Amino acid sequence: MHEPNTEMSVEMAVRMVSEKQGDVLMKGMVGTSTLLKCVLNKEWGLRTGNLLSHFALFEVDTYHKVIAVTDVAMNIAPNLKEKIAIVNNSVACLNRLGYKIPKVAVLGAVEMVNENMEATLHAALLSKMNQRDQIKNCIIDGPLAFDNAVSLISAQNKGIKSEVAGDTDLLLMPDIEVGNVLYKSLVFFAKAKVASIILGAQVPIVLTSRSDSEQAKFDSILLSAAASRW
């Protein structure tokens, strides 16, 4: 369907998905803000009342399994309530992908709770909420530094006893800056394969970077199909 006006083309696409004429929404060569403005339209958008969050899956040669990362593109500096929503979005997606009880590492710069470092406080609260079944269908531990989350040897050297350390399925970022740097480091330095989508709307939204490869965009479409199969 040819529509030269960018905003109109996005509106048409969102309306088609909202009216069940499409199953997945994908961002093309348009600004993210333009896309999200239509997605969040109160009359014909794709709102559900849930927080929208970014979810990415990476295949890295140096890690023993596929690993997910959230949130690197939507929520700038999420508070505790928003992190709970981000975890719930991601865990529900992983459950749909076949992970019965995914292991979630809440990242911080250190492994100990430090009252001057908000990320460590959030991590401790999320861990305790998980233990009390306030956050379900996963195992959460944190704060964990990145090395402990992905390396059992590193965790053992530091005397950390954890079900998650070294076997993480999902990395929860403290903020968007950390997430964005990690995402691009994995892609450009580690040459990782990646697929990414937005969760929390009526359907998965493929939100790739304009600099992403064709393979990454194709894999993201596959991820959106798998995530919506529920």
Protein backbone atom coordinates (compact mmCIF):
# COMPACT_ATOMS: atom_id res chain seq x y z
CA MET A 1 0.00 0.00 0.00
CA HIS A 2 1.75 3.14 -1.17
CA GLU A 3 1.54 6.06 1.25
CA PRO A 4 4.28 8.70 0.85
CA ASN A 5 3.36 10.58 4.05
CA THR A 6 5.29 9.05 6.95
CA GLU A 7 2.76 9.77 9.68
CA MET A 8 -0.13 8.54 7.56
CA SER A 9 1.70 5.35 6.67
CA VAL A 10 2.29 4.60 10.37
CA GLU A 11 -1.34 5.35 11.21
CA MET A 12 -2.53 3.03 8.44
CA ALA A 13 -0.29 0.23 9.68
CA VAL A 14 -1.39 0.60 13.31
CA ARG A 15 -5.05 0.76 12.32
CA MET A 16 -4.68 -2.41 10.25
CA VAL A 17 -3.21 -4.30 13.20
CA SER A 18 -5.82 -2.85 15.57
CA GLU A 19 -8.58 -4.00 13.19
CA LYS A 20 -7.09 -7.54 12.99
CA GLN A 21 -5.93 -7.11 9.39
CA GLY A 22 -2.36 -7.65 10.55
CA ASP A 23 -0.72 -9.71 13.29
CA VAL A 24 2.55 -7.84 13.89
CA LEU A 25 3.60 -4.20 13.63
CA MET A 26 7.11 -3.47 12.34
CA LYS A 27 9.02 -0.21 12.37
CA GLY A 28 10.62 0.74 9.06
CA MET A 29 12.52 3.91 8.18
CA VAL A 30 10.51 6.08 10.54
CA GLY A 31 11.29 7.64 13.89
CA THR A 32 10.45 5.61 16.98
CA SER A 33 8.52 8.53 18.47
CA THR A 34 6.29 8.69 15.35
CA LEU A 35 5.52 4.98 15.63
CA LEU A 36 4.82 5.05 19.37
CA LYS A 37 2.56 8.08 19.09
CA CYS A 38 0.23 6.00 16.92
CA VAL A 39 0.66 2.84 18.99
CA LEU A 40 -0.48 4.77 22.09
CA ASN A 41 -3.45 6.47 20.39
CA LYS A 42 -6.44 6.12 22.72
CA GLU A 43 -9.00 5.50 19.97
CA TRP A 44 -7.39 3.07 17.54
CA GLY A 45 -3.94 2.35 18.96
CA LEU A 46 -2.57 -0.83 20.46
CA ARG A 47 -2.59 0.08 24.15
CA THR A 48 -3.34 -2.56 26.77
CA GLY A 49 -2.70 -0.60 29.96
CA ASN A 50 0.62 -2.39 30.41
CA LEU A 51 4.00 -0.71 30.26
CA LEU A 52 5.73 -1.02 26.89
CA SER A 53 9.24 -2.46 27.15
CA HIS A 54 12.00 -3.60 24.82
CA PHE A 55 13.11 -7.23 24.75
CA ALA A 56 16.10 -8.63 22.87
CA LEU A 57 17.46 -12.15 22.41
CA PHE A 58 21.18 -12.65 21.73
CA GLU A 59 23.16 -15.61 20.50
CA VAL A 60 26.78 -15.03 21.57
CA ASP A 61 29.60 -17.46 20.80
CA THR A 62 31.09 -16.98 24.27
CA TYR A 63 27.90 -17.88 26.18
CA HIS A 64 26.46 -21.37 26.45
CA LYS A 65 22.88 -20.49 25.53
CA VAL A 66 20.66 -17.76 24.13
CA ILE A 67 20.38 -14.82 26.52
CA ALA A 68 17.75 -12.08 26.74
CA VAL A 69 18.29 -8.42 27.63
CA THR A 70 15.75 -5.82 28.76
CA ASP A 71 15.18 -2.80 28.54
CA VAL A 72 17.56 -1.05 26.14
CA ALA A 73 15.28 1.16 24.05
CA MET A 74 12.05 2.22 25.75
CA ASN A 75 12.27 3.10 29.44
CA ILE A 76 15.00 5.62 30.24
CA ALA A 77 15.42 5.30 34.01
CA PRO A 78 12.76 2.86 35.23
CA ASN A 79 11.67 3.03 38.86
CA LEU A 80 10.88 -0.08 40.89
CA LYS A 81 7.26 -0.29 39.71
CA GLU A 82 8.37 0.00 36.08
CA LYS A 83 11.09 -2.63 36.54
CA ILE A 84 8.47 -5.03 37.91
CA ALA A 85 6.41 -4.46 34.75
CA ILE A 86 9.49 -4.91 32.53
CA VAL A 87 10.34 -8.20 34.25
CA ASN A 88 6.75 -9.44 33.96
CA ASN A 89 6.64 -8.56 30.24
CA SER A 90 9.91 -10.36 29.57
CA VAL A 91 9.19 -13.42 31.71
CA ALA A 92 5.78 -13.87 30.03
CA CYS A 93 7.51 -13.72 26.64
CA LEU A 94 10.16 -16.25 27.70
CA ASN A 95 7.42 -18.52 29.06
CA ARG A 96 5.74 -18.40 25.64
CA LEU A 97 9.08 -19.24 24.01
CA GLY A 98 9.37 -22.38 26.12
CA TYR A 99 11.33 -21.24 29.20
CA LYS A 100 9.30 -22.62 32.10
CA ILE A 101 11.24 -20.86 34.88
CA PRO A 102 13.73 -18.39 33.34
CA LYS A 103 16.59 -17.16 35.50
CA VAL A 104 16.69 -13.37 35.82
CA ALA A 105 19.81 -11.43 36.83
CA VAL A 106 19.20 -7.87 38.02
CA LEU A 107 22.37 -6.00 37.12
CA GLY A 108 24.27 -3.46 39.18
CA ALA A 109 27.85 -2.26 39.36
CA VAL A 110 28.45 -4.33 42.52
CA GLU A 111 27.10 -7.52 44.07
CA MET A 112 26.27 -6.04 47.47
CA VAL A 113 23.36 -3.79 48.38
CA ASN A 114 24.57 -0.19 48.63
CA GLU A 115 22.12 2.45 49.83
CA ASN A 116 23.84 5.02 47.59
CA MET A 117 23.28 2.91 44.46
CA GLU A 118 19.59 2.74 43.60
CA ALA A 119 20.03 -0.15 41.16
CA THR A 120 21.24 -2.41 43.99
CA LEU A 121 18.23 -1.49 46.15
CA HIS A 122 15.86 -2.27 43.28
CA ALA A 123 17.65 -5.58 42.70
CA ALA A 124 17.31 -6.64 46.33
CA LEU A 125 13.60 -5.75 46.38
CA LEU A 126 12.91 -7.58 43.14
CA SER A 127 14.69 -10.67 44.48
CA LYS A 128 12.68 -10.64 47.69
CA MET A 129 9.41 -10.06 45.83
CA ASN A 130 10.21 -13.09 43.69
CA GLN A 131 10.87 -15.20 46.80
CA ARG A 132 7.48 -14.13 48.18
CA ASP A 133 5.69 -14.99 44.89
CA GLN A 134 4.90 -11.36 44.08
CA ILE A 135 6.77 -11.89 40.80
CA LYS A 136 6.10 -15.38 39.45
CA ASN A 137 7.24 -17.93 36.87
CA CYS A 138 10.94 -17.09 37.18
CA ILE A 139 13.93 -17.03 39.53
CA ILE A 140 15.33 -13.57 40.27
CA ASP A 141 18.67 -12.75 41.87
CA GLY A 142 20.50 -9.49 42.32
CA PRO A 143 22.27 -7.30 42.54
CA LEU A 144 24.74 -9.09 40.29
CA ALA A 145 27.55 -7.46 38.36
CA PHE A 146 27.66 -8.45 34.70
CA ASP A 147 30.59 -10.83 35.14
CA ASN A 148 28.80 -12.76 37.89
CA ALA A 149 25.59 -12.97 35.90
CA VAL A 150 27.25 -14.66 32.92
CA SER A 151 30.24 -16.44 34.49
CA LEU A 152 29.96 -19.12 37.18
CA ILE A 153 33.73 -19.01 37.70
CA SER A 154 33.58 -15.28 38.40
CA ALA A 155 30.73 -15.81 40.88
CA GLN A 156 32.60 -18.61 42.63
CA ASN A 157 35.77 -16.51 42.88
CA LYS A 158 33.73 -13.84 44.66
CA GLY A 159 32.00 -16.35 46.93
CA ILE A 160 28.57 -15.71 45.45
CA LYS A 161 26.03 -18.51 45.92
CA SER A 162 23.25 -18.13 43.39
CA GLU A 163 20.96 -20.22 41.18
CA VAL A 164 21.19 -17.51 38.55
CA ALA A 165 24.90 -16.61 38.44
CA GLY A 166 26.62 -18.06 35.40
CA ASP A 167 23.37 -19.46 33.99
CA THR A 168 21.30 -16.34 33.37
CA ASP A 169 18.43 -16.37 30.86
CA LEU A 170 17.45 -12.69 31.23
CA LEU A 171 19.53 -9.63 32.11
CA LEU A 172 17.56 -6.73 33.59
CA MET A 173 19.31 -3.42 32.93
CA PRO A 174 19.50 -0.66 35.54
CA ASP A 175 18.79 2.02 32.92
CA ILE A 176 18.70 2.67 29.18
CA GLU A 177 22.31 3.90 28.92
CA VAL A 178 23.74 0.66 30.32
CA GLY A 179 21.36 -1.37 28.17
CA ASN A 180 22.11 0.53 24.97
CA VAL A 181 25.88 0.17 25.43
CA LEU A 182 25.61 -3.55 26.20
CA TYR A 183 23.29 -4.16 23.21
CA LYS A 184 25.63 -2.45 20.76
CA SER A 185 28.75 -3.95 22.33
CA LEU A 186 27.34 -7.45 21.86
CA VAL A 187 26.42 -6.71 18.24
CA PHE A 188 29.48 -4.76 17.08
CA PHE A 189 32.26 -6.19 19.29
CA ALA A 190 31.05 -9.72 20.04
CA LYS A 191 29.33 -10.13 16.63
CA ALA A 192 26.28 -11.55 18.38
CA LYS A 193 23.11 -12.49 16.51
CA VAL A 194 20.15 -10.49 17.80
CA ALA A 195 16.37 -10.32 17.55
CA SER A 196 14.35 -7.66 19.34
CA ILE A 197 10.73 -6.61 19.87
CA ILE A 198 8.55 -4.34 22.00
CA LEU A 199 6.29 -6.07 24.52
CA GLY A 200 3.21 -4.81 26.36
CA ALA A 201 1.06 -3.80 23.37
CA GLN A 202 -1.80 -5.82 21.87
CA VAL A 203 0.71 -7.47 19.51
CA PRO A 204 4.50 -7.72 19.44
CA ILE A 205 6.14 -4.72 17.76
CA VAL A 206 9.32 -5.26 15.76
CA LEU A 207 11.47 -2.26 16.66
CA THR A 208 14.90 -2.69 15.12
CA SER A 209 17.55 -0.04 14.64
CA ARG A 210 18.03 1.40 11.17
CA SER A 211 21.65 0.22 11.47
CA ASP A 212 20.63 -3.38 12.19
CA SER A 213 21.45 -6.01 9.58
CA GLU A 214 18.85 -7.64 7.34
CA GLN A 215 19.38 -10.86 9.32
CA ALA A 216 18.60 -9.10 12.60
CA LYS A 217 15.41 -7.65 11.14
CA PHE A 218 14.36 -11.04 9.75
CA ASP A 219 15.12 -12.77 13.08
CA SER A 220 13.10 -10.11 14.89
CA ILE A 221 10.10 -10.91 12.70
CA LEU A 222 10.51 -14.59 13.62
CA LEU A 223 10.74 -13.67 17.31
CA SER A 224 7.55 -11.61 17.08
CA ALA A 225 5.74 -14.56 15.49
CA ALA A 226 6.95 -16.93 18.21
CA ALA A 227 6.08 -14.47 20.97
CA SER A 228 2.53 -14.00 19.66
CA ARG A 229 1.79 -17.71 19.18
CA TRP A 230 0.17 -17.96 22.64
